[in-house]
Amino acid sequence: MQHRMIGPSLAGAALLALSGSAGAVDEIVTARGWTQVDHAESGECRAEVRGNGQFYRIAVQGLRPGEVGQFWLQNEDIRPVQYRMVADGSGAWRDFYVPFVWQLEGGIVRVALTSETCSLNLSFAWARRRL
């Protein structure tokens, strides 16, 4: 399993990427009762965002096994995060995101997933969690 953390150098966004087998409906996320906050479909491709109010899982299925694409994410006015995504052997990909911007109490996260066979856009609202 590969972990990647995007830290304060990218405007305070924390991003944790997991590679491996994943479907757009992930049994761990489902078992924990995470709510679907957005979804999109185009042809064979389906993407969704599920969250628990603090962490969000972005997933897509319907890609070709090993298909390479681009992941783009923007949280309010911070510089967008963009990198290459690669589908697993079942044609699925997922990533986890923790939205946070120091000077804001909440906002909108926008996501674009593009590849040769898919082009999907998602968005979801977030609010700073208070203890």
C-alpha atoms as a PDB file:
ATOM      1  CA  MET A   1       0.000   0.000   0.000  1.00  0.00           C
ATOM      2  CA  GLN A   2       1.288   3.458  -0.930  1.00  0.00           C
ATOM      3  CA  HIS A   3       0.616   6.522   1.224  1.00  0.00           C
ATOM      4  CA  ARG A   4       1.029  10.085   0.047  1.00  0.00           C
ATOM      5  CA  MET A   5       0.447  13.196   2.135  1.00  0.00           C
ATOM      6  CA  ILE A   6       0.139  16.628   0.574  1.00  0.00           C
ATOM      7  CA  GLY A   7       1.015  19.011   3.402  1.00  0.00           C
ATOM      8  CA  PRO A   8       0.987  22.710   4.162  1.00  0.00           C
ATOM      9  CA  SER A   9       3.203  23.377   1.150  1.00  0.00           C
ATOM     10  CA  LEU A  10       0.082  22.947  -0.964  1.00  0.00           C
ATOM     11  CA  ALA A  11      -2.051  25.474   0.893  1.00  0.00           C
ATOM     12  CA  GLY A  12      -2.780  23.272   3.883  1.00  0.00           C
ATOM     13  CA  ALA A  13      -4.602  20.495   2.034  1.00  0.00           C
ATOM     14  CA  ALA A  14      -4.094  17.052   3.489  1.00  0.00           C
ATOM     15  CA  LEU A  15      -4.390  14.249   0.972  1.00  0.00           C
ATOM     16  CA  LEU A  16      -3.920  10.546   1.564  1.00  0.00           C
ATOM     17  CA  ALA A  17      -3.755   8.272  -1.467  1.00  0.00           C
ATOM     18  CA  LEU A  18      -4.249   4.552  -1.289  1.00  0.00           C
ATOM     19  CA  SER A  19      -3.613   2.232  -4.188  1.00  0.00           C
ATOM     20  CA  GLY A  20      -4.923  -1.287  -4.527  1.00  0.00           C
ATOM     21  CA  SER A  21      -8.220  -2.962  -5.164  1.00  0.00           C
ATOM     22  CA  ALA A  22     -11.125  -0.554  -4.818  1.00  0.00           C
ATOM     23  CA  GLY A  23     -14.592  -0.174  -6.195  1.00  0.00           C
ATOM     24  CA  ALA A  24     -16.784   2.892  -6.271  1.00  0.00           C
ATOM     25  CA  VAL A  25     -18.550   1.254  -3.342  1.00  0.00           C
ATOM     26  CA  ASP A  26     -15.901   0.310  -0.795  1.00  0.00           C
ATOM     27  CA  GLU A  27     -16.946  -2.230   1.851  1.00  0.00           C
ATOM     28  CA  ILE A  28     -15.004  -0.496   4.657  1.00  0.00           C
ATOM     29  CA  VAL A  29     -16.549   2.901   3.902  1.00  0.00           C
ATOM     30  CA  THR A  30     -20.003   1.333   3.564  1.00  0.00           C
ATOM     31  CA  ALA A  31     -19.629  -0.631   6.802  1.00  0.00           C
ATOM     32  CA  ARG A  32     -18.733   2.571   8.641  1.00  0.00           C
ATOM     33  CA  GLY A  33     -21.867   4.287   7.327  1.00  0.00           C
ATOM     34  CA  TRP A  34     -20.176   7.003   5.276  1.00  0.00           C
ATOM     35  CA  THR A  35     -22.762   9.011   3.343  1.00  0.00           C
ATOM     36  CA  GLN A  36     -22.629   9.524  -0.421  1.00  0.00           C
ATOM     37  CA  VAL A  37     -22.253  13.282  -0.974  1.00  0.00           C
ATOM     38  CA  ASP A  38     -21.997  13.256  -4.787  1.00  0.00           C
ATOM     39  CA  HIS A  39     -21.889  10.844  -7.704  1.00  0.00           C
ATOM     40  CA  ALA A  40     -21.579  10.971 -11.486  1.00  0.00           C
ATOM     41  CA  GLU A  41     -21.969   8.471 -14.317  1.00  0.00           C
ATOM     42  CA  SER A  42     -20.917   8.469 -17.955  1.00  0.00           C
ATOM     43  CA  GLY A  43     -21.167   5.334 -20.063  1.00  0.00           C
ATOM     44  CA  GLU A  44     -19.475   2.511 -18.153  1.00  0.00           C
ATOM     45  CA  CYS A  45     -17.825   4.894 -15.689  1.00  0.00           C
ATOM     46  CA  ARG A  46     -19.237   5.727 -12.281  1.00  0.00           C
ATOM     47  CA  ALA A  47     -17.667   7.952  -9.631  1.00  0.00           C
ATOM     48  CA  GLU A  48     -18.739   8.903  -6.139  1.00  0.00           C
ATOM     49  CA  VAL A  49     -17.657  10.769  -3.045  1.00  0.00           C
ATOM     50  CA  ARG A  50     -18.541   9.360   0.373  1.00  0.00           C
ATOM     51  CA  GLY A  51     -17.693  11.008   3.662  1.00  0.00           C
ATOM     52  CA  ASN A  52     -18.145  10.993   7.395  1.00  0.00           C
ATOM     53  CA  GLY A  53     -17.976  14.788   7.744  1.00  0.00           C
ATOM     54  CA  GLN A  54     -14.234  14.823   8.341  1.00  0.00           C
ATOM     55  CA  PHE A  55     -12.727  12.425   5.772  1.00  0.00           C
ATOM     56  CA  TYR A  56     -13.915  11.849   2.200  1.00  0.00           C
ATOM     57  CA  ARG A  57     -13.289   8.940  -0.169  1.00  0.00           C
ATOM     58  CA  ILE A  58     -13.312   9.695  -3.911  1.00  0.00           C
ATOM     59  CA  ALA A  59     -13.687   6.598  -6.109  1.00  0.00           C
ATOM     60  CA  VAL A  60     -14.256   5.680  -9.743  1.00  0.00           C
ATOM     61  CA  GLN A  61     -14.993   2.338 -11.392  1.00  0.00           C
ATOM     62  CA  GLY A  62     -15.569   1.320 -14.981  1.00  0.00           C
ATOM     63  CA  LEU A  63     -12.071   2.156 -16.218  1.00  0.00           C
ATOM     64  CA  ARG A  64     -10.020  -0.415 -18.110  1.00  0.00           C
ATOM     65  CA  PRO A  65      -7.613  -2.359 -15.849  1.00  0.00           C
ATOM     66  CA  GLY A  66      -4.371  -0.356 -15.645  1.00  0.00           C
ATOM     67  CA  GLU A  67      -5.901   2.650 -17.437  1.00  0.00           C
ATOM     68  CA  VAL A  68      -4.071   5.901 -16.716  1.00  0.00           C
ATOM     69  CA  GLY A  69      -5.913   9.148 -16.159  1.00  0.00           C
ATOM     70  CA  GLN A  70      -5.715  12.522 -14.426  1.00  0.00           C
ATOM     71  CA  PHE A  71      -7.060  13.431 -10.992  1.00  0.00           C
ATOM     72  CA  TRP A  72      -7.699  17.141 -10.312  1.00  0.00           C
ATOM     73  CA  LEU A  73      -9.006  18.582  -7.033  1.00  0.00           C
ATOM     74  CA  GLN A  74      -9.554  22.151  -5.883  1.00  0.00           C
ATOM     75  CA  ASN A  75     -10.656  23.270  -2.439  1.00  0.00           C
ATOM     76  CA  GLU A  76     -11.833  26.883  -2.538  1.00  0.00           C
ATOM     77  CA  ASP A  77      -9.064  29.290  -3.584  1.00  0.00           C
ATOM     78  CA  ILE A  78      -6.039  27.064  -2.929  1.00  0.00           C
ATOM     79  CA  ARG A  79      -3.847  25.902  -5.779  1.00  0.00           C
ATOM     80  CA  PRO A  80      -5.404  22.760  -7.337  1.00  0.00           C
ATOM     81  CA  VAL A  81      -3.890  19.340  -6.706  1.00  0.00           C
ATOM     82  CA  GLN A  82      -3.346  17.352  -9.890  1.00  0.00           C
ATOM     83  CA  TYR A  83      -1.664  14.015 -10.466  1.00  0.00           C
ATOM     84  CA  ARG A  84      -1.783  10.806 -12.481  1.00  0.00           C
ATOM     85  CA  MET A  85      -4.191   8.076 -11.401  1.00  0.00           C
ATOM     86  CA  VAL A  86      -3.937   4.416 -12.446  1.00  0.00           C
ATOM     87  CA  ALA A  87      -6.863   1.979 -12.304  1.00  0.00           C
ATOM     88  CA  ASP A  88      -6.316  -1.296 -10.495  1.00  0.00           C
ATOM     89  CA  GLY A  89      -6.856  -4.736 -12.060  1.00  0.00           C
ATOM     90  CA  SER A  90     -10.639  -4.431 -11.754  1.00  0.00           C
ATOM     91  CA  GLY A  91     -10.757  -0.984 -13.407  1.00  0.00           C
ATOM     92  CA  ALA A  92     -11.262   0.930 -10.164  1.00  0.00           C
ATOM     93  CA  TRP A  93      -9.375   3.736  -8.404  1.00  0.00           C
ATOM     94  CA  ARG A  94      -9.835   5.586  -5.093  1.00  0.00           C
ATOM     95  CA  ASP A  95      -8.321   8.342  -3.006  1.00  0.00           C
ATOM     96  CA  PHE A  96      -9.057   9.793   0.426  1.00  0.00           C
ATOM     97  CA  TYR A  97      -9.201  13.532   1.099  1.00  0.00           C
ATOM     98  CA  VAL A  98      -9.310  15.625   4.262  1.00  0.00           C
ATOM     99  CA  PRO A  99     -10.583  19.122   3.353  1.00  0.00           C
ATOM    100  CA  PHE A 100      -9.185  22.001   5.337  1.00  0.00           C
ATOM    101  CA  VAL A 101      -8.279  25.609   4.631  1.00  0.00           C
ATOM    102  CA  TRP A 102      -6.879  27.539   7.616  1.00  0.00           C
ATOM    103  CA  GLN A 103      -8.747  30.799   7.102  1.00  0.00           C
ATOM    104  CA  LEU A 104     -12.151  29.264   6.205  1.00  0.00           C
ATOM    105  CA  GLU A 105     -14.904  27.580   8.184  1.00  0.00           C
ATOM    106  CA  GLY A 106     -16.003  25.548   5.157  1.00  0.00           C
ATOM    107  CA  GLY A 107     -16.289  25.527   1.413  1.00  0.00           C
ATOM    108  CA  ILE A 108     -16.737  23.517  -1.762  1.00  0.00           C
ATOM    109  CA  VAL A 109     -14.314  20.885  -3.084  1.00  0.00           C
ATOM    110  CA  ARG A 110     -14.352  20.295  -6.845  1.00  0.00           C
ATOM    111  CA  VAL A 111     -13.008  17.104  -8.416  1.00  0.00           C
ATOM    112  CA  ALA A 112     -12.383  16.098 -12.041  1.00  0.00           C
ATOM    113  CA  LEU A 113     -11.434  12.570 -13.094  1.00  0.00           C
ATOM    114  CA  THR A 114     -10.407  12.186 -16.731  1.00  0.00           C
ATOM    115  CA  SER A 115      -8.986   9.323 -18.772  1.00  0.00           C
ATOM    116  CA  GLU A 116      -9.317   7.930 -22.270  1.00  0.00           C
ATOM    117  CA  THR A 117     -12.656   6.278 -21.404  1.00  0.00           C
ATOM    118  CA  CYS A 118     -14.008   8.538 -18.629  1.00  0.00           C
ATOM    119  CA  SER A 119     -14.592  12.185 -17.862  1.00  0.00           C
ATOM    120  CA  LEU A 120     -16.440  12.828 -14.612  1.00  0.00           C
ATOM    121  CA  ASN A 121     -16.871  15.847 -12.320  1.00  0.00           C
ATOM    122  CA  LEU A 122     -17.866  15.829  -8.662  1.00  0.00           C
ATOM    123  CA  SER A 123     -18.192  18.407  -5.888  1.00  0.00           C
ATOM    124  CA  PHE A 124     -19.052  18.437  -2.216  1.00  0.00           C
ATOM    125  CA  ALA A 125     -19.396  20.891   0.640  1.00  0.00           C
ATOM    126  CA  TRP A 126     -17.268  20.683   3.769  1.00  0.00           C
ATOM    127  CA  ALA A 127     -17.318  22.456   7.131  1.00  0.00           C
ATOM    128  CA  ARG A 128     -14.620  22.685   9.765  1.00  0.00           C
ATOM    129  CA  ARG A 129     -15.222  20.206  12.537  1.00  0.00           C
ATOM    130  CA  ARG A 130     -15.508  21.791  15.964  1.00  0.00           C
ATOM    131  CA  LEU A 131     -14.516  19.915  19.105  1.00  0.00           C
END
